[in-house]
N, C-alpha and C. Protein backbone atom coordinates (compact mmCIF):
# COMPACT_ATOMS: atom_id res chain seq x y z
N UNK A 1 -0.43 -29.40 -3.28
CA UNK A 1 -1.53 -28.01 -3.73
C UNK A 1 -2.41 -28.75 -3.87
N UNK A 2 -4.12 -27.79 -4.06
CA UNK A 2 -5.57 -28.58 -4.55
C UNK A 2 -5.18 -27.79 -5.68
N UNK A 3 -5.53 -28.59 -6.65
CA UNK A 3 -5.35 -28.25 -8.27
C UNK A 3 -6.88 -27.34 -8.63
N UNK A 4 -7.15 -26.83 -9.50
CA UNK A 4 -8.16 -25.08 -9.52
C UNK A 4 -9.23 -26.97 -9.72
N UNK A 5 -8.78 -27.49 -10.78
CA UNK A 5 -10.17 -28.78 -10.65
C UNK A 5 -10.79 -29.14 -9.84
N UNK A 6 -9.95 -29.70 -8.71
CA UNK A 6 -10.21 -30.03 -7.21
C UNK A 6 -11.08 -29.38 -6.83
N UNK A 7 -10.55 -28.30 -6.62
CA UNK A 7 -11.39 -26.65 -5.83
C UNK A 7 -12.72 -26.39 -6.76
N UNK A 8 -12.85 -26.52 -8.11
CA UNK A 8 -13.93 -26.47 -8.28
C UNK A 8 -14.92 -27.83 -8.42
N UNK A 9 -14.69 -29.10 -8.11
CA UNK A 9 -14.75 -29.93 -7.61
C UNK A 9 -16.54 -29.63 -6.66
N UNK A 10 -14.94 -29.71 -5.46
CA UNK A 10 -15.54 -29.07 -4.38
C UNK A 10 -15.90 -28.55 -3.91
N UNK A 11 -16.58 -27.46 -5.13
CA UNK A 11 -17.60 -26.56 -4.74
C UNK A 11 -18.15 -26.67 -4.93
N UNK A 12 -18.94 -27.71 -6.09
CA UNK A 12 -20.00 -28.04 -6.95
C UNK A 12 -20.48 -29.53 -6.34
N UNK A 13 -19.81 -29.21 -5.59
CA UNK A 13 -20.66 -30.44 -4.23
C UNK A 13 -21.42 -30.22 -3.74
N UNK A 14 -20.76 -28.32 -3.13
CA UNK A 14 -21.55 -27.96 -1.69
C UNK A 14 -23.25 -27.13 -1.45
N UNK A 15 -23.95 -26.69 -1.28
CA UNK A 15 -25.46 -27.16 -0.64
C UNK A 15 -25.10 -25.62 -1.75
N UNK A 16 -26.55 -25.64 -2.72
CA UNK A 16 -26.69 -24.27 -2.64
C UNK A 16 -25.90 -22.43 -1.33
N UNK A 17 -26.35 -22.59 -0.85
CA UNK A 17 -26.43 -21.51 0.53
C UNK A 17 -24.67 -22.08 1.11
N UNK A 18 -24.12 -23.15 0.91
CA UNK A 18 -22.49 -22.46 1.31
C UNK A 18 -22.20 -22.60 0.30
N UNK A 19 -22.34 -22.82 -1.20
CA UNK A 19 -21.44 -22.82 -2.46
C UNK A 19 -21.82 -21.50 -2.51
N UNK A 20 -22.78 -20.39 -2.02
CA UNK A 20 -22.70 -18.86 -2.49
C UNK A 20 -21.89 -18.47 -1.91
N UNK A 21 -21.71 -18.90 -0.08
CA UNK A 21 -20.47 -18.79 1.30
C UNK A 21 -18.88 -19.02 0.70
N UNK A 22 -19.45 -20.11 0.10
CA UNK A 22 -17.26 -19.66 -0.01
C UNK A 22 -17.03 -19.44 -1.83
N UNK A 23 -18.13 -18.58 -2.84
CA UNK A 23 -17.95 -18.10 -3.57
C UNK A 23 -17.20 -16.82 -2.99
N UNK A 24 -17.92 -15.33 -1.61
CA UNK A 24 -17.78 -14.89 -1.52
C UNK A 24 -17.10 -15.15 -0.74
N UNK A 25 -16.33 -16.47 -0.49
CA UNK A 25 -14.61 -16.25 0.73
C UNK A 25 -14.03 -15.78 0.22
N UNK A 26 -13.75 -17.18 -1.42
CA UNK A 26 -12.60 -16.40 -2.23
C UNK A 26 -13.28 -15.59 -3.22
N UNK A 27 -14.35 -14.45 -3.84
CA UNK A 27 -14.13 -13.37 -3.63
C UNK A 27 -13.29 -12.22 -2.46
N UNK A 28 -13.43 -12.56 -0.62
CA UNK A 28 -12.75 -11.76 0.08
C UNK A 28 -11.44 -12.32 0.22
N UNK A 29 -10.37 -13.65 -0.79
CA UNK A 29 -9.17 -13.46 -1.06
C UNK A 29 -9.04 -13.07 -1.14
N UNK A 30 -8.81 -13.33 -2.78
CA UNK A 30 -9.08 -12.96 -3.91
C UNK A 30 -8.49 -10.85 -3.84
N UNK A 31 -9.59 -9.52 -2.84
CA UNK A 31 -9.38 -8.33 -2.85
C UNK A 31 -7.82 -8.73 -1.97
N UNK A 32 -7.75 -9.45 -1.22
CA UNK A 32 -7.19 -8.73 -0.05
C UNK A 32 -5.11 -9.33 -0.98
N UNK A 33 -5.63 -10.07 -1.82
CA UNK A 33 -4.60 -10.08 -2.02
C UNK A 33 -3.81 -9.22 -3.34
N UNK A 34 -4.89 -8.20 -4.07
CA UNK A 34 -4.54 -7.47 -4.22
C UNK A 34 -4.11 -6.22 -3.89
N UNK A 35 -2.83 -5.50 -4.94
CA UNK A 35 -2.13 -5.15 -3.94
C UNK A 35 -2.20 -3.29 -4.38
N UNK A 36 -3.08 -2.90 -3.28
CA UNK A 36 -2.68 -1.34 -3.51
C UNK A 36 -2.23 -1.22 -4.66
N UNK A 37 -1.99 0.13 -6.12
CA UNK A 37 -0.89 0.65 -6.46
C UNK A 37 0.26 1.71 -5.90
N UNK A 38 1.92 1.52 -5.88
CA UNK A 38 2.10 2.44 -5.52
C UNK A 38 1.87 3.81 -6.08
N UNK A 39 2.44 4.42 -5.02
CA UNK A 39 1.76 6.21 -5.46
C UNK A 39 3.31 7.09 -5.70
N UNK A 40 3.84 7.32 -6.54
CA UNK A 40 5.43 7.85 -7.27
C UNK A 40 5.12 9.17 -5.81
N UNK A 41 6.28 8.76 -5.18
CA UNK A 41 6.85 10.20 -4.52
C UNK A 41 7.12 11.35 -5.87
N UNK A 42 6.79 12.19 -4.41
CA UNK A 42 7.32 13.83 -4.62
C UNK A 42 7.88 14.88 -4.31
N UNK A 43 8.39 15.05 -5.44
CA UNK A 43 8.94 15.86 -5.24
C UNK A 43 8.64 17.62 -5.02
N UNK A 44 7.55 17.53 -4.30
CA UNK A 44 7.59 19.34 -4.83
C UNK A 44 7.78 20.39 -3.93
N UNK A 45 8.36 19.55 -1.97
CA UNK A 45 9.32 20.53 -1.75
C UNK A 45 10.57 20.61 -2.33
N UNK A 46 11.38 20.25 -3.07
CA UNK A 46 12.69 20.18 -3.25
C UNK A 46 12.70 22.30 -4.31
N UNK A 47 13.74 22.60 -3.59
CA UNK A 47 13.66 24.17 -4.17
C UNK A 47 13.01 24.57 -2.60
N UNK A 48 12.30 23.91 -2.57
CA UNK A 48 11.45 25.52 -1.84
C UNK A 48 11.91 26.50 -0.23
N UNK A 49 13.55 25.49 -0.17
CA UNK A 49 14.27 26.55 0.14
C UNK A 49 15.30 27.54 -0.37
N UNK A 50 14.96 27.30 -1.20
CA UNK A 50 15.77 27.97 -2.01
C UNK A 50 16.40 29.87 -2.37
N UNK A 51 15.39 30.62 -1.36
CA UNK A 51 15.33 31.89 -1.02
C UNK A 51 15.94 31.87 0.12
N UNK A 52 17.33 30.59 1.09
CA UNK A 52 18.27 30.75 2.45
C UNK A 52 19.54 30.23 0.91
N UNK A 53 19.44 29.73 -0.01
CA UNK A 53 20.58 29.54 -0.69
C UNK A 53 21.98 30.04 -0.08
N UNK A 54 22.30 31.38 -0.19
CA UNK A 54 22.55 32.79 -0.05
C UNK A 54 23.28 33.46 1.28
N UNK A 55 22.21 32.76 2.19
CA UNK A 55 23.10 33.50 3.59
C UNK A 55 22.50 32.75 4.76
N UNK A 56 21.78 31.87 3.86
CA UNK A 56 21.96 30.15 5.48
C UNK A 56 23.25 28.69 4.96
N UNK A 57 24.15 28.39 5.93
CA UNK A 57 24.91 26.48 5.22
C UNK A 57 23.53 25.12 5.66
N UNK A 58 23.79 24.35 4.94
CA UNK A 58 23.48 22.93 5.45
C UNK A 58 23.40 23.03 6.51
N UNK A 59 24.79 23.27 6.64
CA UNK A 59 24.86 22.61 8.53
C UNK A 59 23.28 23.81 9.81
N UNK A 60 23.77 25.29 8.98
CA UNK A 60 22.54 26.18 9.86
C UNK A 60 21.24 24.85 9.11
N UNK A 61 21.41 25.11 8.55
CA UNK A 61 19.32 24.21 8.85
C UNK A 61 19.50 23.36 8.72
N UNK A 62 20.22 22.45 9.24
CA UNK A 62 20.95 21.28 10.05
C UNK A 62 19.84 21.25 11.53
N UNK A 63 21.08 22.40 12.62
CA UNK A 63 20.71 22.39 13.39
C UNK A 63 19.05 23.03 14.02
N UNK A 64 19.11 24.23 12.49
CA UNK A 64 17.94 25.10 13.11
C UNK A 64 16.42 23.97 13.18
N UNK A 65 17.20 22.92 11.98
CA UNK A 65 15.97 21.67 12.42
C UNK A 65 15.77 20.85 13.90
N UNK A 66 17.21 20.90 13.93
CA UNK A 66 17.01 19.92 15.16
C UNK A 66 15.91 20.38 16.39
N UNK A 67 16.62 21.79 16.70
CA UNK A 67 15.65 23.06 17.52
C UNK A 67 14.78 22.54 16.93
N UNK A 68 14.01 22.30 15.68
CA UNK A 68 12.37 22.94 15.52
C UNK A 68 11.19 21.64 15.71
N UNK A 69 11.96 20.55 16.33
CA UNK A 69 12.07 19.32 16.42
C UNK A 69 11.23 19.02 17.61
N UNK A 70 12.57 19.69 18.72
CA UNK A 70 12.09 19.64 19.97
C UNK A 70 11.82 20.28 21.03
């Protein structure tokens, strides 16, 4: 594995235009490495069918959902 000192030396030995290109390439690599922050899971839909609690069973809802998907 190449050490940081070796990479610095290699970049310093490049002509100015290639040095800038190398720096931009390294910056792009660093951006790719960063992962986007994970979004928190939202349960805003929870309780959305509470009004059906006394009139519909979970099995009936499962059958209705299957029909909605078809």
